[in-house]
Amino acid sequence: MQSIQELYLQHWNGITRIFPAAPADWKDISFKNLRTSGAFLISAIRKNGKNTEVNIYSEKGGQIKIKPNFEGAFTLSGFAKLIRHSNSVYVYKIPKGKTLTLKAN
């Protein structure tokens, strides 16, 4: 089970990665409420082989470094503050009990 989960969500070197190892022929997949470091619950959707949406729920409040693996621009909604970004890695501060949603354009 853990190996399947790691196709969907990985956390290493302080960065949470979305669908980092999903096989190319898995065009339409999703997951809901997988836990990552820092007490965050992550849900994500991949359609036609592209990441389209990531939801991040913060159980205790804090910062998350995330690589959503979108192809291009995306929009934000919810409660969060962008702290910094570089090389497709974004750092957000999300208050306790709040959700940040990232959607590909």
N, C-alpha and C. Protein backbone atom coordinates (compact mmCIF):
# COMPACT_ATOMS: atom_id res chain seq x y z
N MET A 1 0.81 -1.18 0.00
CA MET A 1 0.00 0.00 0.00
C MET A 1 0.87 1.26 0.00
N GLN A 2 1.95 1.23 0.76
CA GLN A 2 2.81 2.42 0.82
C GLN A 2 3.40 2.74 -0.55
N SER A 3 3.77 1.72 -1.31
CA SER A 3 4.36 2.00 -2.63
C SER A 3 3.35 2.65 -3.57
N ILE A 4 2.07 2.27 -3.48
CA ILE A 4 1.04 2.91 -4.29
C ILE A 4 0.86 4.36 -3.85
N GLN A 5 0.84 4.59 -2.54
CA GLN A 5 0.69 5.96 -2.03
C GLN A 5 1.82 6.85 -2.51
N GLU A 6 3.02 6.32 -2.59
CA GLU A 6 4.17 7.13 -3.01
C GLU A 6 4.12 7.51 -4.49
N LEU A 7 3.29 6.83 -5.26
CA LEU A 7 3.07 7.28 -6.64
C LEU A 7 2.26 8.57 -6.65
N TYR A 8 1.42 8.74 -5.63
CA TYR A 8 0.53 9.90 -5.52
C TYR A 8 1.13 11.08 -4.76
N LEU A 9 1.82 10.78 -3.67
CA LEU A 9 2.29 11.84 -2.77
C LEU A 9 3.61 11.42 -2.14
N GLN A 10 4.59 12.31 -2.21
CA GLN A 10 5.89 12.06 -1.56
C GLN A 10 6.32 13.30 -0.79
N HIS A 11 7.04 13.06 0.28
CA HIS A 11 7.62 14.16 1.06
C HIS A 11 9.06 13.79 1.37
N TRP A 12 10.01 14.54 0.83
CA TRP A 12 11.42 14.37 1.14
C TRP A 12 12.14 15.69 0.90
N ASN A 13 13.26 15.86 1.58
CA ASN A 13 14.02 17.13 1.57
C ASN A 13 13.12 18.31 1.90
N GLY A 14 12.10 18.07 2.75
CA GLY A 14 11.23 19.14 3.20
C GLY A 14 10.16 19.57 2.21
N ILE A 15 10.06 18.88 1.07
CA ILE A 15 9.12 19.27 0.02
C ILE A 15 8.07 18.18 -0.19
N THR A 16 6.80 18.59 -0.23
CA THR A 16 5.70 17.68 -0.54
C THR A 16 5.47 17.74 -2.05
N ARG A 17 5.50 16.57 -2.69
CA ARG A 17 5.37 16.49 -4.15
C ARG A 17 4.07 15.78 -4.52
N ILE A 18 3.34 16.35 -5.48
CA ILE A 18 2.04 15.82 -5.91
C ILE A 18 2.20 15.00 -7.19
N PHE A 19 1.73 13.76 -7.17
CA PHE A 19 1.83 12.81 -8.27
C PHE A 19 3.24 12.78 -8.86
N PRO A 20 4.27 12.60 -8.03
CA PRO A 20 5.64 12.66 -8.54
C PRO A 20 6.05 11.44 -9.35
N ALA A 21 5.36 10.33 -9.18
CA ALA A 21 5.78 9.10 -9.84
C ALA A 21 4.61 8.35 -10.46
N ALA A 22 3.54 9.06 -10.77
CA ALA A 22 2.38 8.41 -11.39
C ALA A 22 2.75 7.95 -12.79
N PRO A 23 2.45 6.70 -13.12
CA PRO A 23 2.74 6.21 -14.48
C PRO A 23 2.03 7.04 -15.55
N ALA A 24 2.66 7.22 -16.67
CA ALA A 24 2.10 8.06 -17.75
C ALA A 24 0.75 7.56 -18.24
N ASP A 25 0.51 6.25 -18.17
CA ASP A 25 -0.77 5.73 -18.66
C ASP A 25 -1.89 5.83 -17.62
N TRP A 26 -1.61 6.36 -16.43
CA TRP A 26 -2.65 6.64 -15.43
C TRP A 26 -3.12 8.07 -15.67
N LYS A 27 -3.98 8.25 -16.62
CA LYS A 27 -4.39 9.58 -17.06
C LYS A 27 -5.32 10.29 -16.07
N ASP A 28 -6.26 9.57 -15.50
CA ASP A 28 -7.27 10.17 -14.61
C ASP A 28 -7.23 9.48 -13.25
N ILE A 29 -6.61 10.15 -12.28
CA ILE A 29 -6.50 9.60 -10.93
C ILE A 29 -6.70 10.72 -9.92
N SER A 30 -6.99 10.34 -8.71
CA SER A 30 -7.13 11.32 -7.63
C SER A 30 -6.90 10.64 -6.30
N PHE A 31 -6.69 11.45 -5.28
CA PHE A 31 -6.63 10.94 -3.91
C PHE A 31 -7.21 11.98 -2.99
N LYS A 32 -7.61 11.54 -1.80
CA LYS A 32 -8.24 12.45 -0.84
C LYS A 32 -7.65 12.23 0.55
N ASN A 33 -7.25 13.33 1.16
CA ASN A 33 -6.81 13.37 2.55
C ASN A 33 -5.65 12.44 2.90
N LEU A 34 -4.61 12.46 2.09
CA LEU A 34 -3.37 11.79 2.47
C LEU A 34 -2.58 12.76 3.34
N ARG A 35 -2.07 12.25 4.43
CA ARG A 35 -1.35 13.09 5.40
C ARG A 35 0.10 13.25 4.99
N THR A 36 0.60 14.47 5.18
CA THR A 36 2.01 14.74 4.94
C THR A 36 2.59 15.45 6.15
N SER A 37 3.88 15.58 6.16
CA SER A 37 4.59 16.20 7.27
C SER A 37 4.03 17.59 7.59
N GLY A 38 3.92 17.89 8.88
CA GLY A 38 3.44 19.20 9.31
C GLY A 38 1.95 19.24 9.60
N ALA A 39 1.31 18.08 9.63
CA ALA A 39 -0.14 17.97 9.92
C ALA A 39 -0.99 18.61 8.84
N PHE A 40 -0.65 18.29 7.59
CA PHE A 40 -1.44 18.74 6.44
C PHE A 40 -2.10 17.53 5.79
N LEU A 41 -3.36 17.70 5.38
CA LEU A 41 -4.08 16.68 4.62
C LEU A 41 -4.17 17.17 3.18
N ILE A 42 -3.71 16.35 2.25
CA ILE A 42 -3.63 16.73 0.86
C ILE A 42 -4.62 15.89 0.05
N SER A 43 -5.33 16.56 -0.86
CA SER A 43 -6.18 15.90 -1.84
C SER A 43 -5.77 16.46 -3.21
N ALA A 44 -5.82 15.62 -4.25
CA ALA A 44 -5.40 16.10 -5.56
C ALA A 44 -6.12 15.34 -6.68
N ILE A 45 -6.17 16.00 -7.84
CA ILE A 45 -6.82 15.44 -9.02
C ILE A 45 -5.87 15.57 -10.21
N ARG A 46 -5.81 14.50 -10.99
CA ARG A 46 -5.03 14.47 -12.23
C ARG A 46 -5.98 14.03 -13.35
N LYS A 47 -6.12 14.85 -14.40
CA LYS A 47 -6.99 14.54 -15.53
C LYS A 47 -6.20 14.62 -16.82
N ASN A 48 -6.45 13.67 -17.70
CA ASN A 48 -5.75 13.62 -19.00
C ASN A 48 -4.24 13.70 -18.83
N GLY A 49 -3.73 13.11 -17.76
CA GLY A 49 -2.28 13.05 -17.53
C GLY A 49 -1.67 14.32 -16.98
N LYS A 50 -2.51 15.28 -16.55
CA LYS A 50 -2.00 16.55 -16.01
C LYS A 50 -2.61 16.84 -14.65
N ASN A 51 -1.80 17.31 -13.74
CA ASN A 51 -2.31 17.71 -12.42
C ASN A 51 -3.20 18.93 -12.60
N THR A 52 -4.42 18.85 -12.04
CA THR A 52 -5.37 19.94 -12.24
C THR A 52 -5.78 20.65 -10.96
N GLU A 53 -5.72 19.95 -9.82
CA GLU A 53 -6.16 20.58 -8.57
C GLU A 53 -5.46 19.94 -7.37
N VAL A 54 -5.11 20.80 -6.41
CA VAL A 54 -4.51 20.35 -5.14
C VAL A 54 -5.19 21.12 -4.02
N ASN A 55 -5.69 20.39 -3.02
CA ASN A 55 -6.27 21.00 -1.82
C ASN A 55 -5.38 20.65 -0.63
N ILE A 56 -5.07 21.66 0.16
CA ILE A 56 -4.20 21.49 1.33
C ILE A 56 -4.96 21.97 2.56
N TYR A 57 -5.25 21.06 3.46
CA TYR A 57 -5.93 21.41 4.71
C TYR A 57 -4.90 21.38 5.84
N SER A 58 -4.84 22.44 6.61
CA SER A 58 -3.88 22.55 7.71
C SER A 58 -4.55 22.22 9.04
N GLU A 59 -4.13 21.12 9.65
CA GLU A 59 -4.72 20.72 10.93
C GLU A 59 -4.23 21.56 12.11
N LYS A 60 -2.98 22.02 12.05
CA LYS A 60 -2.45 22.78 13.19
C LYS A 60 -1.90 24.15 12.84
N GLY A 61 -1.90 24.49 11.57
CA GLY A 61 -1.34 25.77 11.13
C GLY A 61 0.15 25.66 10.94
N GLY A 62 0.66 26.33 9.93
CA GLY A 62 2.10 26.32 9.69
C GLY A 62 2.43 26.46 8.22
N GLN A 63 3.70 26.22 7.92
CA GLN A 63 4.20 26.37 6.55
C GLN A 63 4.33 25.01 5.88
N ILE A 64 4.02 25.01 4.59
CA ILE A 64 4.22 23.82 3.77
C ILE A 64 4.98 24.22 2.52
N LYS A 65 5.98 23.41 2.18
CA LYS A 65 6.70 23.55 0.91
C LYS A 65 6.10 22.52 -0.02
N ILE A 66 5.57 22.98 -1.14
CA ILE A 66 4.86 22.06 -2.02
C ILE A 66 5.26 22.25 -3.47
N LYS A 67 5.36 21.14 -4.17
CA LYS A 67 5.61 21.14 -5.60
C LYS A 67 4.38 20.50 -6.25
N PRO A 68 3.43 21.34 -6.73
CA PRO A 68 2.18 20.79 -7.25
C PRO A 68 2.31 20.10 -8.61
N ASN A 69 3.42 20.32 -9.28
CA ASN A 69 3.67 19.69 -10.60
C ASN A 69 2.60 20.04 -11.63
N PHE A 70 2.20 21.31 -11.65
CA PHE A 70 1.29 21.79 -12.68
C PHE A 70 2.09 22.11 -13.94
N GLU A 71 1.43 22.03 -15.08
CA GLU A 71 2.06 22.44 -16.33
C GLU A 71 1.62 23.86 -16.63
N GLY A 72 2.31 24.83 -16.11
CA GLY A 72 1.95 26.22 -16.35
C GLY A 72 1.35 26.89 -15.14
N ALA A 73 0.61 27.96 -15.42
CA ALA A 73 0.07 28.81 -14.36
C ALA A 73 -1.07 28.13 -13.61
N PHE A 74 -1.32 28.63 -12.39
CA PHE A 74 -2.42 28.13 -11.58
C PHE A 74 -2.97 29.25 -10.72
N THR A 75 -4.18 29.05 -10.22
CA THR A 75 -4.82 30.04 -9.36
C THR A 75 -4.94 29.50 -7.94
N LEU A 76 -5.09 30.43 -7.00
CA LEU A 76 -5.22 30.09 -5.58
C LEU A 76 -6.58 30.53 -5.09
N SER A 77 -7.12 29.76 -4.15
CA SER A 77 -8.28 30.21 -3.41
C SER A 77 -8.19 29.63 -2.00
N GLY A 78 -8.79 30.34 -1.07
CA GLY A 78 -8.72 29.88 0.32
C GLY A 78 -7.85 30.79 1.15
N PHE A 79 -7.37 30.23 2.25
CA PHE A 79 -6.63 31.00 3.23
C PHE A 79 -5.17 30.56 3.27
N ALA A 80 -4.30 31.42 2.77
CA ALA A 80 -2.87 31.14 2.83
C ALA A 80 -2.10 32.39 2.42
N LYS A 81 -0.85 32.40 2.82
CA LYS A 81 0.06 33.47 2.43
C LYS A 81 1.25 32.84 1.74
N LEU A 82 1.55 33.31 0.52
CA LEU A 82 2.73 32.84 -0.19
C LEU A 82 3.95 33.46 0.47
N ILE A 83 4.84 32.61 0.94
CA ILE A 83 6.07 33.08 1.59
C ILE A 83 7.18 33.27 0.54
N ARG A 84 7.34 32.26 -0.32
CA ARG A 84 8.33 32.36 -1.40
C ARG A 84 8.11 31.21 -2.39
N HIS A 85 8.76 31.33 -3.55
CA HIS A 85 8.73 30.24 -4.52
C HIS A 85 9.99 30.28 -5.38
N SER A 86 10.41 29.09 -5.81
CA SER A 86 11.51 28.96 -6.75
C SER A 86 11.52 27.53 -7.28
N ASN A 87 11.88 27.38 -8.53
CA ASN A 87 11.99 26.06 -9.16
C ASN A 87 10.73 25.22 -8.99
N SER A 88 9.58 25.83 -9.18
CA SER A 88 8.27 25.15 -9.08
C SER A 88 7.95 24.63 -7.68
N VAL A 89 8.66 25.14 -6.67
CA VAL A 89 8.36 24.81 -5.28
C VAL A 89 7.85 26.08 -4.61
N TYR A 90 6.71 25.95 -3.95
CA TYR A 90 6.04 27.09 -3.32
C TYR A 90 5.96 26.86 -1.82
N VAL A 91 6.17 27.92 -1.06
CA VAL A 91 6.05 27.85 0.40
C VAL A 91 4.86 28.71 0.80
N TYR A 92 3.89 28.08 1.44
CA TYR A 92 2.68 28.77 1.89
C TYR A 92 2.55 28.63 3.39
N LYS A 93 2.04 29.68 4.00
CA LYS A 93 1.68 29.63 5.42
C LYS A 93 0.15 29.55 5.46
N ILE A 94 -0.35 28.46 6.07
CA ILE A 94 -1.79 28.23 6.12
C ILE A 94 -2.23 28.18 7.59
N PRO A 95 -3.23 28.98 7.96
CA PRO A 95 -3.71 28.97 9.35
C PRO A 95 -4.36 27.64 9.73
N LYS A 96 -4.38 27.39 11.00
CA LYS A 96 -5.01 26.17 11.54
C LYS A 96 -6.48 26.09 11.10
N GLY A 97 -6.86 24.90 10.63
CA GLY A 97 -8.25 24.66 10.25
C GLY A 97 -8.67 25.25 8.91
N LYS A 98 -7.72 25.76 8.14
CA LYS A 98 -8.04 26.39 6.85
C LYS A 98 -7.52 25.54 5.69
N THR A 99 -8.11 25.77 4.52
CA THR A 99 -7.75 25.04 3.31
C THR A 99 -7.29 25.99 2.23
N LEU A 100 -6.23 25.60 1.54
CA LEU A 100 -5.74 26.30 0.35
C LEU A 100 -6.01 25.40 -0.84
N THR A 101 -6.58 25.96 -1.91
CA THR A 101 -6.83 25.22 -3.13
C THR A 101 -6.02 25.82 -4.26
N LEU A 102 -5.29 24.97 -4.98
CA LEU A 102 -4.53 25.37 -6.15
C LEU A 102 -5.18 24.70 -7.36
N LYS A 103 -5.48 25.48 -8.40
CA LYS A 103 -6.10 24.92 -9.61
C LYS A 103 -5.33 25.36 -10.84
N ALA A 104 -5.02 24.39 -11.68
CA ALA A 104 -4.32 24.69 -12.93
C ALA A 104 -5.22 25.50 -13.85
N ASN A 105 -4.61 26.43 -14.59
CA ASN A 105 -5.38 27.25 -15.54
C ASN A 105 -5.60 26.48 -16.83
